[in-house]
């Protein structure tokens, strides 16, 4: 299952045909409720925004690292090393908070799906399959 979009009214929940074939009706309902929980909390937007912000820092880190490794003069090598360290630190900080948000996102979505359907066992069975 995948939830994507930029606004709740344009959000989409994608479920594969194989998943639909393997799950029962109550399990399919909990999977869709899981996606609705992510849409309700704007998690898809937050995770997309985090990715949009973190990727330039990682790209800058990679380029500065390569520049520092290929540099001939020590002053430029140290400058590139310092820049790559700062970019990598920012990337780690942003990625770490994104991972924490992702963990909370899953907890909330699981709880939301269980409350909507009233069947937490259906969610557990669907996740195990």
C-alpha atoms as a PDB file:
ATOM      1  CA  UNK A   1       0.000   0.000   0.000  1.00  0.00           C
ATOM      2  CA  UNK A   2       1.223   3.473  -0.879  1.00  0.00           C
ATOM      3  CA  UNK A   3      -0.279   6.864  -0.106  1.00  0.00           C
ATOM      4  CA  UNK A   4       0.823   9.886  -2.126  1.00  0.00           C
ATOM      5  CA  UNK A   5      -0.313  13.358  -3.069  1.00  0.00           C
ATOM      6  CA  UNK A   6       0.192  16.965  -2.077  1.00  0.00           C
ATOM      7  CA  UNK A   7      -3.187  17.808  -0.515  1.00  0.00           C
ATOM      8  CA  UNK A   8      -5.760  15.612   1.233  1.00  0.00           C
ATOM      9  CA  UNK A   9      -8.285  16.141  -1.559  1.00  0.00           C
ATOM     10  CA  UNK A  10      -5.770  15.038  -4.213  1.00  0.00           C
ATOM     11  CA  UNK A  11      -4.237  12.213  -2.170  1.00  0.00           C
ATOM     12  CA  UNK A  12      -4.309   8.695  -3.552  1.00  0.00           C
ATOM     13  CA  UNK A  13      -4.135   5.290  -1.919  1.00  0.00           C
ATOM     14  CA  UNK A  14      -2.538   2.640  -4.106  1.00  0.00           C
ATOM     15  CA  UNK A  15      -3.048  -1.040  -3.305  1.00  0.00           C
ATOM     16  CA  UNK A  16      -1.644  -3.814  -5.479  1.00  0.00           C
ATOM     17  CA  UNK A  17      -3.877  -6.434  -7.048  1.00  0.00           C
ATOM     18  CA  UNK A  18      -1.833  -9.182  -5.377  1.00  0.00           C
ATOM     19  CA  UNK A  19      -2.576  -7.690  -1.977  1.00  0.00           C
ATOM     20  CA  UNK A  20      -6.274  -7.480  -2.800  1.00  0.00           C
ATOM     21  CA  UNK A  21      -6.262 -11.115  -3.917  1.00  0.00           C
ATOM     22  CA  UNK A  22      -4.643 -12.340  -0.701  1.00  0.00           C
ATOM     23  CA  UNK A  23      -6.602 -10.334   1.869  1.00  0.00           C
ATOM     24  CA  UNK A  24     -10.104 -10.802   3.189  1.00  0.00           C
ATOM     25  CA  UNK A  25     -12.698  -8.042   3.144  1.00  0.00           C
ATOM     26  CA  UNK A  26     -12.053  -6.952   6.754  1.00  0.00           C
ATOM     27  CA  UNK A  27      -8.305  -6.872   6.117  1.00  0.00           C
ATOM     28  CA  UNK A  28      -8.746  -4.772   2.962  1.00  0.00           C
ATOM     29  CA  UNK A  29     -10.892  -2.350   4.948  1.00  0.00           C
ATOM     30  CA  UNK A  30      -8.164  -1.922   7.554  1.00  0.00           C
ATOM     31  CA  UNK A  31      -5.522  -1.348   4.862  1.00  0.00           C
ATOM     32  CA  UNK A  32      -7.618   1.435   3.344  1.00  0.00           C
ATOM     33  CA  UNK A  33      -8.290   2.837   6.823  1.00  0.00           C
ATOM     34  CA  UNK A  34      -4.522   2.858   7.352  1.00  0.00           C
ATOM     35  CA  UNK A  35      -4.126   4.988   4.217  1.00  0.00           C
ATOM     36  CA  UNK A  36      -6.956   7.283   5.314  1.00  0.00           C
ATOM     37  CA  UNK A  37      -5.183   7.786   8.629  1.00  0.00           C
ATOM     38  CA  UNK A  38      -2.075   8.921   6.787  1.00  0.00           C
ATOM     39  CA  UNK A  39      -4.126  11.296   4.655  1.00  0.00           C
ATOM     40  CA  UNK A  40      -5.999  12.638   7.675  1.00  0.00           C
ATOM     41  CA  UNK A  41      -2.741  13.518   9.429  1.00  0.00           C
ATOM     42  CA  UNK A  42      -1.013  14.926   6.279  1.00  0.00           C
ATOM     43  CA  UNK A  43       1.823  12.411   6.651  1.00  0.00           C
ATOM     44  CA  UNK A  44       2.310  11.977   2.917  1.00  0.00           C
ATOM     45  CA  UNK A  45       2.881  15.716   2.525  1.00  0.00           C
ATOM     46  CA  UNK A  46       5.312  15.941   5.453  1.00  0.00           C
ATOM     47  CA  UNK A  47       7.391  12.992   4.254  1.00  0.00           C
ATOM     48  CA  UNK A  48       7.516  14.397   0.698  1.00  0.00           C
ATOM     49  CA  UNK A  49       8.590  17.784   2.045  1.00  0.00           C
ATOM     50  CA  UNK A  50      11.311  16.213   4.188  1.00  0.00           C
ATOM     51  CA  UNK A  51      12.639  14.362   1.165  1.00  0.00           C
ATOM     52  CA  UNK A  52      12.598  17.567  -0.867  1.00  0.00           C
ATOM     53  CA  UNK A  53      14.618  19.365   1.823  1.00  0.00           C
ATOM     54  CA  UNK A  54      17.111  16.584   2.614  1.00  0.00           C
ATOM     55  CA  UNK A  55      18.124  15.598  -0.904  1.00  0.00           C
ATOM     56  CA  UNK A  56      19.947  18.871  -1.750  1.00  0.00           C
ATOM     57  CA  UNK A  57      22.008  18.613   1.451  1.00  0.00           C
ATOM     58  CA  UNK A  58      22.969  15.051   0.616  1.00  0.00           C
ATOM     59  CA  UNK A  59      23.878  16.006  -2.946  1.00  0.00           C
ATOM     60  CA  UNK A  60      26.001  18.896  -1.683  1.00  0.00           C
ATOM     61  CA  UNK A  61      27.678  16.540   0.807  1.00  0.00           C
ATOM     62  CA  UNK A  62      28.554  14.080  -1.983  1.00  0.00           C
ATOM     63  CA  UNK A  63      29.926  16.764  -4.286  1.00  0.00           C
ATOM     64  CA  UNK A  64      31.960  18.445  -1.544  1.00  0.00           C
ATOM     65  CA  UNK A  65      33.378  15.078  -0.482  1.00  0.00           C
ATOM     66  CA  UNK A  66      34.441  14.269  -4.031  1.00  0.00           C
ATOM     67  CA  UNK A  67      35.876  17.761  -4.436  1.00  0.00           C
ATOM     68  CA  UNK A  68      37.845  17.359  -1.211  1.00  0.00           C
ATOM     69  CA  UNK A  69      39.179  13.966  -2.238  1.00  0.00           C
ATOM     70  CA  UNK A  70      40.317  15.247  -5.631  1.00  0.00           C
ATOM     71  CA  UNK A  71      41.691  18.582  -4.410  1.00  0.00           C
ATOM     72  CA  UNK A  72      45.400  19.224  -4.821  1.00  0.00           C
ATOM     73  CA  UNK A  73      45.858  22.162  -2.453  1.00  0.00           C
ATOM     74  CA  UNK A  74      45.379  21.546   1.295  1.00  0.00           C
ATOM     75  CA  UNK A  75      43.332  24.713   1.851  1.00  0.00           C
ATOM     76  CA  UNK A  76      40.678  23.608  -0.643  1.00  0.00           C
ATOM     77  CA  UNK A  77      40.750  20.072   0.676  1.00  0.00           C
ATOM     78  CA  UNK A  78      40.072  21.303   4.229  1.00  0.00           C
ATOM     79  CA  UNK A  79      37.369  23.682   3.016  1.00  0.00           C
ATOM     80  CA  UNK A  80      35.617  20.899   1.114  1.00  0.00           C
ATOM     81  CA  UNK A  81      35.965  18.556   4.089  1.00  0.00           C
ATOM     82  CA  UNK A  82      34.427  21.115   6.416  1.00  0.00           C
ATOM     83  CA  UNK A  83      31.572  21.806   4.014  1.00  0.00           C
ATOM     84  CA  UNK A  84      30.892  18.107   3.556  1.00  0.00           C
ATOM     85  CA  UNK A  85      30.866  17.575   7.339  1.00  0.00           C
ATOM     86  CA  UNK A  86      28.379  20.403   7.883  1.00  0.00           C
ATOM     87  CA  UNK A  87      26.124  19.171   5.052  1.00  0.00           C
ATOM     88  CA  UNK A  88      26.271  15.609   6.310  1.00  0.00           C
ATOM     89  CA  UNK A  89      25.415  16.748   9.844  1.00  0.00           C
ATOM     90  CA  UNK A  90      22.397  18.706   8.595  1.00  0.00           C
ATOM     91  CA  UNK A  91      21.321  15.733   6.470  1.00  0.00           C
ATOM     92  CA  UNK A  92      21.621  13.369   9.469  1.00  0.00           C
ATOM     93  CA  UNK A  93      19.622  15.726  11.676  1.00  0.00           C
ATOM     94  CA  UNK A  94      16.837  16.123   9.130  1.00  0.00           C
ATOM     95  CA  UNK A  95      16.774  12.425   8.264  1.00  0.00           C
ATOM     96  CA  UNK A  96      16.720  11.446  11.931  1.00  0.00           C
ATOM     97  CA  UNK A  97      13.716  13.645  12.609  1.00  0.00           C
ATOM     98  CA  UNK A  98      12.058  12.244   9.476  1.00  0.00           C
ATOM     99  CA  UNK A  99      12.581   8.700  10.744  1.00  0.00           C
ATOM    100  CA  UNK A 100      11.118   9.661  14.102  1.00  0.00           C
ATOM    101  CA  UNK A 101       8.130  11.230  12.365  1.00  0.00           C
ATOM    102  CA  UNK A 102       7.760   8.099  10.245  1.00  0.00           C
ATOM    103  CA  UNK A 103       7.619   5.945  13.369  1.00  0.00           C
ATOM    104  CA  UNK A 104       4.933   8.150  14.927  1.00  0.00           C
ATOM    105  CA  UNK A 105       3.119   8.217  11.589  1.00  0.00           C
ATOM    106  CA  UNK A 106       2.823   4.438  11.535  1.00  0.00           C
ATOM    107  CA  UNK A 107       1.688   4.275  15.161  1.00  0.00           C
ATOM    108  CA  UNK A 108      -1.014   6.866  14.551  1.00  0.00           C
ATOM    109  CA  UNK A 109      -2.158   5.283  11.297  1.00  0.00           C
ATOM    110  CA  UNK A 110      -2.392   1.842  12.911  1.00  0.00           C
ATOM    111  CA  UNK A 111      -4.448   3.251  15.763  1.00  0.00           C
ATOM    112  CA  UNK A 112      -6.660   5.190  13.350  1.00  0.00           C
ATOM    113  CA  UNK A 113      -7.282   2.090  11.223  1.00  0.00           C
ATOM    114  CA  UNK A 114      -8.193   0.021  14.271  1.00  0.00           C
ATOM    115  CA  UNK A 115     -10.595   2.714  15.515  1.00  0.00           C
ATOM    116  CA  UNK A 116     -12.299   3.210  12.138  1.00  0.00           C
ATOM    117  CA  UNK A 117     -12.848  -0.468  11.441  1.00  0.00           C
ATOM    118  CA  UNK A 118     -13.187  -1.627  15.038  1.00  0.00           C
ATOM    119  CA  UNK A 119     -11.087  -4.634  14.064  1.00  0.00           C
ATOM    120  CA  UNK A 120      -7.460  -4.463  15.204  1.00  0.00           C
ATOM    121  CA  UNK A 121      -7.034  -8.165  14.453  1.00  0.00           C
ATOM    122  CA  UNK A 122      -7.845  -7.528  10.789  1.00  0.00           C
ATOM    123  CA  UNK A 123      -5.007  -5.019  10.640  1.00  0.00           C
ATOM    124  CA  UNK A 124      -2.582  -7.448  12.264  1.00  0.00           C
ATOM    125  CA  UNK A 125      -3.566 -10.226   9.856  1.00  0.00           C
ATOM    126  CA  UNK A 126      -3.240  -7.891   6.868  1.00  0.00           C
ATOM    127  CA  UNK A 127       0.206  -6.704   7.957  1.00  0.00           C
ATOM    128  CA  UNK A 128       1.392 -10.265   8.500  1.00  0.00           C
ATOM    129  CA  UNK A 129       0.274 -11.349   5.047  1.00  0.00           C
END
